PDB file of N, CA and C in Angstrom:
ATOM      1  N   MET A   1     -38.453 -21.190 -19.095  1.00  0.00           N
ATOM      2  CA  MET A   1     -37.480 -21.475 -19.524  1.00  0.00           C
ATOM      3  C   MET A   1     -36.398 -21.112 -20.854  1.00  0.00           C
ATOM      4  N   LEU A   2     -35.588 -20.865 -21.422  1.00  0.00           N
ATOM      5  CA  LEU A   2     -35.289 -20.333 -22.589  1.00  0.00           C
ATOM      6  C   LEU A   2     -34.989 -21.790 -23.439  1.00  0.00           C
ATOM      7  N   ALA A   3     -35.332 -21.499 -24.653  1.00  0.00           N
ATOM      8  CA  ALA A   3     -35.201 -22.292 -25.652  1.00  0.00           C
ATOM      9  C   ALA A   3     -34.007 -22.592 -26.234  1.00  0.00           C
ATOM     10  N   GLU A   4     -33.260 -24.360 -26.724  1.00  0.00           N
ATOM     11  CA  GLU A   4     -32.212 -24.051 -26.767  1.00  0.00           C
ATOM     12  C   GLU A   4     -31.173 -23.680 -27.714  1.00  0.00           C
ATOM     13  N   ASN A   5     -32.064 -22.989 -28.517  1.00  0.00           N
ATOM     14  CA  ASN A   5     -31.345 -22.465 -30.014  1.00  0.00           C
ATOM     15  C   ASN A   5     -31.901 -21.015 -29.671  1.00  0.00           C
ATOM     16  N   ALA A   6     -32.395 -20.211 -28.820  1.00  0.00           N
ATOM     17  CA  ALA A   6     -32.929 -19.184 -28.621  1.00  0.00           C
ATOM     18  C   ALA A   6     -31.714 -17.959 -28.377  1.00  0.00           C
ATOM     19  N   VAL A   7     -31.912 -16.544 -29.226  1.00  0.00           N
ATOM     20  CA  VAL A   7     -30.907 -15.365 -29.129  1.00  0.00           C
ATOM     21  C   VAL A   7     -31.932 -14.779 -27.888  1.00  0.00           C
ATOM     22  N   ILE A   8     -31.147 -14.621 -27.582  1.00  0.00           N
ATOM     23  CA  ILE A   8     -31.754 -13.840 -26.145  1.00  0.00           C
ATOM     24  C   ILE A   8     -30.602 -12.612 -26.087  1.00  0.00           C
ATOM     25  N   ASP A   9     -31.218 -11.071 -26.308  1.00  0.00           N
ATOM     26  CA  ASP A   9     -30.514 -10.047 -25.807  1.00  0.00           C
ATOM     27  C   ASP A   9     -31.540  -8.945 -24.960  1.00  0.00           C
ATOM     28  N   ILE A  10     -30.431  -7.788 -23.895  1.00  0.00           N
ATOM     29  CA  ILE A  10     -30.921  -7.300 -23.131  1.00  0.00           C
ATOM     30  C   ILE A  10     -31.131  -6.287 -23.856  1.00  0.00           C
ATOM     31  N   SER A  11     -32.265  -5.850 -24.155  1.00  0.00           N
ATOM     32  CA  SER A  11     -32.591  -4.267 -25.121  1.00  0.00           C
ATOM     33  C   SER A  11     -32.570  -3.252 -23.609  1.00  0.00           C
ATOM     34  N   LYS A  12     -32.911  -3.766 -22.535  1.00  0.00           N
ATOM     35  CA  LYS A  12     -32.832  -2.202 -21.868  1.00  0.00           C
ATOM     36  C   LYS A  12     -33.151  -2.858 -20.337  1.00  0.00           C
ATOM     37  N   ALA A  13     -32.181  -2.091 -19.506  1.00  0.00           N
ATOM     38  CA  ALA A  13     -32.268  -2.012 -18.016  1.00  0.00           C
ATOM     39  C   ALA A  13     -31.991  -1.346 -17.058  1.00  0.00           C
ATOM     40  N   GLU A  14     -33.228  -0.515 -15.684  1.00  0.00           N
ATOM     41  CA  GLU A  14     -33.837   0.474 -15.688  1.00  0.00           C
ATOM     42  C   GLU A  14     -33.473   0.021 -13.775  1.00  0.00           C
ATOM     43  N   TYR A  15     -32.871   0.795 -13.453  1.00  0.00           N
ATOM     44  CA  TYR A  15     -33.030   0.747 -11.819  1.00  0.00           C
ATOM     45  C   TYR A  15     -33.981   0.904 -11.180  1.00  0.00           C
ATOM     46  N   ILE A  16     -34.465  -0.270 -10.158  1.00  0.00           N
ATOM     47  CA  ILE A  16     -35.405   0.019  -9.298  1.00  0.00           C
ATOM     48  C   ILE A  16     -35.100   0.398  -8.126  1.00  0.00           C
ATOM     49  N   ASP A  17     -34.282  -0.620  -6.908  1.00  0.00           N
ATOM     50  CA  ASP A  17     -33.529   0.421  -5.695  1.00  0.00           C
ATOM     51  C   ASP A  17     -33.054  -0.499  -5.698  1.00  0.00           C
ATOM     52  N   GLY A  18     -32.332  -0.359  -4.346  1.00  0.00           N
ATOM     53  CA  GLY A  18     -31.113  -1.165  -3.699  1.00  0.00           C
ATOM     54  C   GLY A  18     -30.516  -1.620  -5.031  1.00  0.00           C
ATOM     55  N   TYR A  19     -29.896  -2.669  -4.989  1.00  0.00           N
ATOM     56  CA  TYR A  19     -29.753  -3.649  -6.445  1.00  0.00           C
ATOM     57  C   TYR A  19     -30.407  -4.380  -7.039  1.00  0.00           C
ATOM     58  N   LYS A  20     -31.166  -3.859  -6.945  1.00  0.00           N
ATOM     59  CA  LYS A  20     -32.516  -4.481  -8.114  1.00  0.00           C
ATOM     60  C   LYS A  20     -31.780  -3.861  -9.483  1.00  0.00           C
ATOM     61  N   LEU A  21     -32.239  -4.600 -10.334  1.00  0.00           N
ATOM     62  CA  LEU A  21     -32.676  -4.158 -11.918  1.00  0.00           C
ATOM     63  C   LEU A  21     -34.022  -4.414 -12.488  1.00  0.00           C
ATOM     64  N   ARG A  22     -34.287  -3.640 -13.307  1.00  0.00           N
ATOM     65  CA  ARG A  22     -35.390  -4.501 -14.107  1.00  0.00           C
ATOM     66  C   ARG A  22     -34.952  -4.238 -15.501  1.00  0.00           C
ATOM     67  N   LEU A  23     -34.347  -5.804 -16.170  1.00  0.00           N
ATOM     68  CA  LEU A  23     -34.206  -6.208 -17.375  1.00  0.00           C
ATOM     69  C   LEU A  23     -35.328  -6.670 -18.196  1.00  0.00           C
ATOM     70  N   MET A  24     -35.442  -5.964 -19.445  1.00  0.00           N
ATOM     71  CA  MET A  24     -35.976  -5.984 -20.476  1.00  0.00           C
ATOM     72  C   MET A  24     -35.616  -6.966 -21.669  1.00  0.00           C
ATOM     73  N   PHE A  25     -35.792  -7.792 -22.142  1.00  0.00           N
ATOM     74  CA  PHE A  25     -35.390  -8.698 -23.058  1.00  0.00           C
ATOM     75  C   PHE A  25     -35.848  -8.413 -24.662  1.00  0.00           C
ATOM     76  N   ASN A  26     -35.242  -8.789 -25.454  1.00  0.00           N
ATOM     77  CA  ASN A  26     -35.336  -8.706 -26.839  1.00  0.00           C
ATOM     78  C   ASN A  26     -37.197  -9.501 -27.420  1.00  0.00           C
ATOM     79  N   ASN A  27     -37.067 -10.746 -26.288  1.00  0.00           N
ATOM     80  CA  ASN A  27     -38.553 -11.364 -26.893  1.00  0.00           C
ATOM     81  C   ASN A  27     -39.648 -10.923 -25.874  1.00  0.00           C
ATOM     82  N   ASN A  28     -39.837  -9.533 -25.548  1.00  0.00           N
ATOM     83  CA  ASN A  28     -40.704  -8.909 -24.478  1.00  0.00           C
ATOM     84  C   ASN A  28     -40.720  -9.681 -23.116  1.00  0.00           C
ATOM     85  N   ASN A  29     -40.376 -10.460 -22.652  1.00  0.00           N
ATOM     86  CA  ASN A  29     -39.699 -10.475 -21.696  1.00  0.00           C
ATOM     87  C   ASN A  29     -38.899  -9.568 -20.798  1.00  0.00           C
ATOM     88  N   GLU A  30     -39.771  -9.632 -19.515  1.00  0.00           N
ATOM     89  CA  GLU A  30     -39.005  -8.942 -18.122  1.00  0.00           C
ATOM     90  C   GLU A  30     -38.221  -9.422 -17.360  1.00  0.00           C
ATOM     91  N   ARG A  31     -37.684  -9.591 -16.355  1.00  0.00           N
ATOM     92  CA  ARG A  31     -37.342  -9.696 -15.406  1.00  0.00           C
ATOM     93  C   ARG A  31     -36.624  -8.856 -14.037  1.00  0.00           C
ATOM     94  N   ILE A  32     -36.952  -8.935 -13.100  1.00  0.00           N
ATOM     95  CA  ILE A  32     -36.597  -8.414 -11.924  1.00  0.00           C
ATOM     96  C   ILE A  32     -35.161  -8.869 -11.036  1.00  0.00           C
ATOM     97  N   ILE A  33     -33.817  -8.420 -11.369  1.00  0.00           N
ATOM     98  CA  ILE A  33     -33.039  -9.008 -10.466  1.00  0.00           C
ATOM     99  C   ILE A  33     -31.947  -8.716  -9.383  1.00  0.00           C
ATOM    100  N   ASP A  34     -32.274  -9.170  -8.356  1.00  0.00           N
ATOM    101  CA  ASP A  34     -31.394  -8.779  -6.808  1.00  0.00           C
ATOM    102  C   ASP A  34     -30.291  -9.145  -7.049  1.00  0.00           C
ATOM    103  N   PHE A  35     -29.288  -8.094  -7.073  1.00  0.00           N
ATOM    104  CA  PHE A  35     -27.782  -8.397  -6.845  1.00  0.00           C
ATOM    105  C   PHE A  35     -27.263  -8.418  -5.825  1.00  0.00           C
ATOM    106  N   GLY A  36     -27.998  -7.918  -4.341  1.00  0.00           N
ATOM    107  CA  GLY A  36     -27.415  -8.154  -3.331  1.00  0.00           C
ATOM    108  C   GLY A  36     -26.847  -9.072  -2.880  1.00  0.00           C
ATOM    109  N   THR A  37     -27.308 -10.537  -2.737  1.00  0.00           N
ATOM    110  CA  THR A  37     -27.016 -11.426  -2.244  1.00  0.00           C
ATOM    111  C   THR A  37     -25.471 -11.307  -2.692  1.00  0.00           C
ATOM    112  N   PHE A  38     -25.674 -11.918  -4.104  1.00  0.00           N
ATOM    113  CA  PHE A  38     -24.244 -12.043  -4.841  1.00  0.00           C
ATOM    114  C   PHE A  38     -23.334 -11.009  -4.581  1.00  0.00           C
ATOM    115  N   LEU A  39     -23.588  -9.453  -4.311  1.00  0.00           N
ATOM    116  CA  LEU A  39     -22.732  -8.377  -4.036  1.00  0.00           C
ATOM    117  C   LEU A  39     -22.248  -8.867  -2.544  1.00  0.00           C
ATOM    118  N   HIS A  40     -23.063  -9.457  -1.759  1.00  0.00           N
ATOM    119  CA  HIS A  40     -22.527  -9.129  -0.543  1.00  0.00           C
ATOM    120  C   HIS A  40     -21.751  -9.736  -0.005  1.00  0.00           C
ATOM    121  N   ASN A  41     -22.071 -11.642  -0.594  1.00  0.00           N
ATOM    122  CA  ASN A  41     -21.751 -12.635  -0.446  1.00  0.00           C
ATOM    123  C   ASN A  41     -20.175 -12.837  -1.424  1.00  0.00           C
ATOM    124  N   SER A  42     -19.934 -11.682  -2.576  1.00  0.00           N
ATOM    125  CA  SER A  42     -18.546 -11.966  -3.363  1.00  0.00           C
ATOM    126  C   SER A  42     -17.367 -11.480  -2.036  1.00  0.00           C
ATOM    127  N   LEU A  43     -16.110 -11.884  -1.888  1.00  0.00           N
ATOM    128  CA  LEU A  43     -14.756 -11.832  -1.074  1.00  0.00           C
ATOM    129  C   LEU A  43     -13.891 -10.832  -2.274  1.00  0.00           C
ATOM    130  N   ASN A  44     -14.197 -11.408  -3.097  1.00  0.00           N
ATOM    131  CA  ASN A  44     -13.254  -9.929  -4.569  1.00  0.00           C
ATOM    132  C   ASN A  44     -13.455  -8.492  -4.166  1.00  0.00           C
ATOM    133  N   PRO A  45     -12.504  -8.238  -3.923  1.00  0.00           N
ATOM    134  CA  PRO A  45     -12.745  -6.486  -3.750  1.00  0.00           C
ATOM    135  C   PRO A  45     -13.530  -6.085  -5.213  1.00  0.00           C
ATOM    136  N   MET A  46     -12.447  -6.325  -6.137  1.00  0.00           N
ATOM    137  CA  MET A  46     -13.333  -5.812  -7.525  1.00  0.00           C
ATOM    138  C   MET A  46     -15.081  -5.729  -7.509  1.00  0.00           C
ATOM    139  N   ILE A  47     -15.445  -6.785  -7.128  1.00  0.00           N
ATOM    140  CA  ILE A  47     -16.714  -7.013  -6.830  1.00  0.00           C
ATOM    141  C   ILE A  47     -17.415  -6.604  -5.984  1.00  0.00           C
ATOM    142  N   ARG A  48     -17.012  -6.473  -4.359  1.00  0.00           N
ATOM    143  CA  ARG A  48     -17.544  -5.419  -3.559  1.00  0.00           C
ATOM    144  C   ARG A  48     -17.380  -3.970  -4.019  1.00  0.00           C
ATOM    145  N   LYS A  49     -16.674  -3.384  -5.114  1.00  0.00           N
ATOM    146  CA  LYS A  49     -16.692  -2.277  -4.738  1.00  0.00           C
ATOM    147  C   LYS A  49     -18.394  -1.516  -5.933  1.00  0.00           C
ATOM    148  N   TYR A  50     -18.694  -2.287  -6.060  1.00  0.00           N
ATOM    149  CA  TYR A  50     -20.342  -2.420  -6.426  1.00  0.00           C
ATOM    150  C   TYR A  50     -21.452  -2.269  -4.987  1.00  0.00           C
ATOM    151  N   LEU A  51     -21.114  -2.804  -4.541  1.00  0.00           N
ATOM    152  CA  LEU A  51     -21.554  -2.432  -2.934  1.00  0.00           C
ATOM    153  C   LEU A  51     -22.226  -0.531  -2.369  1.00  0.00           C
ATOM    154  N   GLN A  52     -21.318  -0.038  -3.166  1.00  0.00           N
ATOM    155  CA  GLN A  52     -21.380   1.402  -3.501  1.00  0.00           C
ATOM    156  C   GLN A  52     -22.279   1.608  -4.274  1.00  0.00           C
ATOM    157  N   LEU A  53     -23.458   2.417  -3.990  1.00  0.00           N
ATOM    158  CA  LEU A  53     -24.956   2.233  -4.753  1.00  0.00           C
ATOM    159  C   LEU A  53     -24.374   3.205  -6.108  1.00  0.00           C
ATOM    160  N   ASP A  54     -23.496   4.305  -6.086  1.00  0.00           N
ATOM    161  CA  ASP A  54     -22.849   4.419  -6.903  1.00  0.00           C
ATOM    162  C   ASP A  54     -22.513   3.793  -8.222  1.00  0.00           C
ATOM    163  N   ASN A  55     -21.355   2.904  -7.977  1.00  0.00           N
ATOM    164  CA  ASN A  55     -20.615   2.277  -8.818  1.00  0.00           C
ATOM    165  C   ASN A  55     -21.630   1.289  -9.446  1.00  0.00           C
ATOM    166  N   PHE A  56     -22.591   0.780  -8.678  1.00  0.00           N
ATOM    167  CA  PHE A  56     -24.236  -0.230  -9.079  1.00  0.00           C
ATOM    168  C   PHE A  56     -24.664   0.395  -9.818  1.00  0.00           C
ATOM    169  N   LYS A  57     -25.260   1.747  -9.736  1.00  0.00           N
ATOM    170  CA  LYS A  57     -25.995   2.479 -10.730  1.00  0.00           C
ATOM    171  C   LYS A  57     -25.361   2.687 -12.029  1.00  0.00           C
ATOM    172  N   ASN A  58     -23.811   2.496 -11.837  1.00  0.00           N
ATOM    173  CA  ASN A  58     -23.350   2.978 -13.186  1.00  0.00           C
ATOM    174  C   ASN A  58     -23.002   1.768 -14.434  1.00  0.00           C
ATOM    175  N   PHE A  59     -24.500   0.838 -14.563  1.00  0.00           N
ATOM    176  CA  PHE A  59     -23.919  -0.025 -15.971  1.00  0.00           C
ATOM    177  C   PHE A  59     -24.335   0.609 -16.925  1.00  0.00           C
ATOM    178  N   THR A  60     -24.447  -0.173 -17.872  1.00  0.00           N
ATOM    179  CA  THR A  60     -24.761  -0.148 -19.363  1.00  0.00           C
ATOM    180  C   THR A  60     -25.030  -1.453 -20.132  1.00  0.00           C
ATOM    181  N   VAL A  61     -25.953  -1.246 -21.175  1.00  0.00           N
ATOM    182  CA  VAL A  61     -26.495  -2.207 -22.096  1.00  0.00           C
ATOM    183  C   VAL A  61     -26.123  -1.687 -23.180  1.00  0.00           C
ATOM    184  N   GLU A  62     -24.569  -2.514 -23.923  1.00  0.00           N
ATOM    185  CA  GLU A  62     -24.786  -2.778 -25.475  1.00  0.00           C
ATOM    186  C   GLU A  62     -24.717  -3.635 -25.707  1.00  0.00           C
ATOM    187  N   TYR A  63     -24.758  -4.366 -27.155  1.00  0.00           N
ATOM    188  CA  TYR A  63     -24.749  -5.074 -27.716  1.00  0.00           C
ATOM    189  C   TYR A  63     -25.444  -5.959 -27.022  1.00  0.00           C
ATOM    190  N   GLY A  64     -26.550  -6.146 -26.337  1.00  0.00           N
ATOM    191  CA  GLY A  64     -27.663  -6.909 -25.619  1.00  0.00           C
ATOM    192  C   GLY A  64     -27.382  -7.344 -24.550  1.00  0.00           C
ATOM    193  N   ASP A  65     -26.182  -7.087 -24.070  1.00  0.00           N
ATOM    194  CA  ASP A  65     -25.479  -7.311 -22.825  1.00  0.00           C
ATOM    195  C   ASP A  65     -25.299  -6.395 -21.829  1.00  0.00           C
ATOM    196  N   LEU A  66     -25.580  -6.486 -20.340  1.00  0.00           N
ATOM    197  CA  LEU A  66     -25.926  -6.156 -19.532  1.00  0.00           C
ATOM    198  C   LEU A  66     -23.985  -5.845 -18.608  1.00  0.00           C
ATOM    199  N   PHE A  67     -23.735  -4.640 -18.728  1.00  0.00           N
ATOM    200  CA  PHE A  67     -21.959  -4.710 -17.418  1.00  0.00           C
ATOM    201  C   PHE A  67     -22.159  -3.580 -16.800  1.00  0.00           C
ATOM    202  N   TRP A  68     -21.315  -3.450 -16.200  1.00  0.00           N
ATOM    203  CA  TRP A  68     -20.652  -2.469 -15.437  1.00  0.00           C
ATOM    204  C   TRP A  68     -18.814  -2.075 -15.905  1.00  0.00           C
ATOM    205  N   ASN A  69     -18.684  -0.543 -16.027  1.00  0.00           N
ATOM    206  CA  ASN A  69     -17.206  -0.221 -16.179  1.00  0.00           C
ATOM    207  C   ASN A  69     -16.603  -0.991 -17.271  1.00  0.00           C
ATOM    208  N   ASP A  70     -17.020  -1.427 -18.716  1.00  0.00           N
ATOM    209  CA  ASP A  70     -16.088  -2.126 -19.616  1.00  0.00           C
ATOM    210  C   ASP A  70     -15.830  -3.350 -18.941  1.00  0.00           C
ATOM    211  N   TYR A  71     -16.760  -4.004 -18.921  1.00  0.00           N
ATOM    212  CA  TYR A  71     -16.648  -5.646 -18.746  1.00  0.00           C
ATOM    213  C   TYR A  71     -16.294  -6.390 -17.273  1.00  0.00           C
ATOM    214  N   ASP A  72     -15.920  -5.006 -16.406  1.00  0.00           N
ATOM    215  CA  ASP A  72     -15.191  -5.405 -15.240  1.00  0.00           C
ATOM    216  C   ASP A  72     -16.568  -6.284 -13.791  1.00  0.00           C
ATOM    217  N   LEU A  73     -17.648  -6.248 -14.139  1.00  0.00           N
ATOM    218  CA  LEU A  73     -19.308  -6.720 -13.895  1.00  0.00           C
ATOM    219  C   LEU A  73     -19.788  -7.293 -15.030  1.00  0.00           C
ATOM    220  N   CYS A  74     -19.914  -8.606 -15.345  1.00  0.00           N
ATOM    221  CA  CYS A  74     -20.822  -8.861 -16.110  1.00  0.00           C
ATOM    222  C   CYS A  74     -21.317 -10.362 -15.869  1.00  0.00           C
ATOM    223  N   PHE A  75     -22.734 -10.727 -16.558  1.00  0.00           N
ATOM    224  CA  PHE A  75     -23.037 -11.915 -15.963  1.00  0.00           C
ATOM    225  C   PHE A  75     -23.521 -12.579 -17.600  1.00  0.00           C
ATOM    226  N   PRO A  76     -23.618 -13.797 -17.920  1.00  0.00           N
ATOM    227  CA  PRO A  76     -24.307 -14.121 -19.025  1.00  0.00           C
ATOM    228  C   PRO A  76     -25.614 -14.204 -19.057  1.00  0.00           C
ATOM    229  N   ILE A  77     -26.423 -13.632 -20.002  1.00  0.00           N
ATOM    230  CA  ILE A  77     -27.318 -13.324 -20.632  1.00  0.00           C
ATOM    231  C   ILE A  77     -28.610 -14.913 -20.041  1.00  0.00           C
ATOM    232  N   ALA A  78     -28.062 -15.641 -20.230  1.00  0.00           N
ATOM    233  CA  ALA A  78     -29.295 -17.104 -20.103  1.00  0.00           C
ATOM    234  C   ALA A  78     -29.412 -17.081 -18.931  1.00  0.00           C
ATOM    235  N   ASP A  79     -28.627 -16.872 -17.813  1.00  0.00           N
ATOM    236  CA  ASP A  79     -28.490 -17.038 -16.430  1.00  0.00           C
ATOM    237  C   ASP A  79     -29.475 -15.713 -16.244  1.00  0.00           C
ATOM    238  N   LEU A  80     -29.362 -14.253 -16.574  1.00  0.00           N
ATOM    239  CA  LEU A  80     -29.735 -13.294 -16.077  1.00  0.00           C
ATOM    240  C   LEU A  80     -31.508 -13.682 -16.533  1.00  0.00           C
ATOM    241  N   TYR A  81     -31.444 -14.293 -17.611  1.00  0.00           N
ATOM    242  CA  TYR A  81     -33.031 -14.285 -18.167  1.00  0.00           C
ATOM    243  C   TYR A  81     -33.738 -15.139 -17.316  1.00  0.00           C
ATOM    244  N   GLU A  82     -33.011 -16.357 -16.469  1.00  0.00           N
ATOM    245  CA  GLU A  82     -33.885 -17.518 -15.885  1.00  0.00           C
ATOM    246  C   GLU A  82     -33.785 -16.968 -14.324  1.00  0.00           C
ATOM    247  N   GLY A  83     -33.064 -15.280 -14.055  1.00  0.00           N
ATOM    248  CA  GLY A  83     -33.201 -15.128 -12.959  1.00  0.00           C
ATOM    249  C   GLY A  83     -32.151 -15.622 -12.054  1.00  0.00           C
ATOM    250  N   ARG A  84     -30.708 -15.730 -12.432  1.00  0.00           N
ATOM    251  CA  ARG A  84     -29.484 -16.892 -11.601  1.00  0.00           C
ATOM    252  C   ARG A  84     -28.435 -16.072 -12.053  1.00  0.00           C
ATOM    253  N   ILE A  85     -28.124 -15.601 -10.705  1.00  0.00           N
ATOM    254  CA  ILE A  85     -26.744 -15.088 -10.755  1.00  0.00           C
ATOM    255  C   ILE A  85     -25.790 -15.359  -9.483  1.00  0.00           C
TER     256      ILE A  85
END
């Protein structure tokens, strides 16, 4: 669990397979997050376009945040740290 006043950033993200990414955080913790269920359950076409793996793999980590296509798709860092999306 994340401490109340902790400042957490994503330092690195690596594609694993399918819709899974390994996220490394600035406190040396890492999580494997599977975005598949979220993407498959979404009805929004702006989100569903990331079911195309070429789109999904085109993520960026900048300023401690993970996002796709200039923040077209992003998630709260604390949720990713806790393994929730």
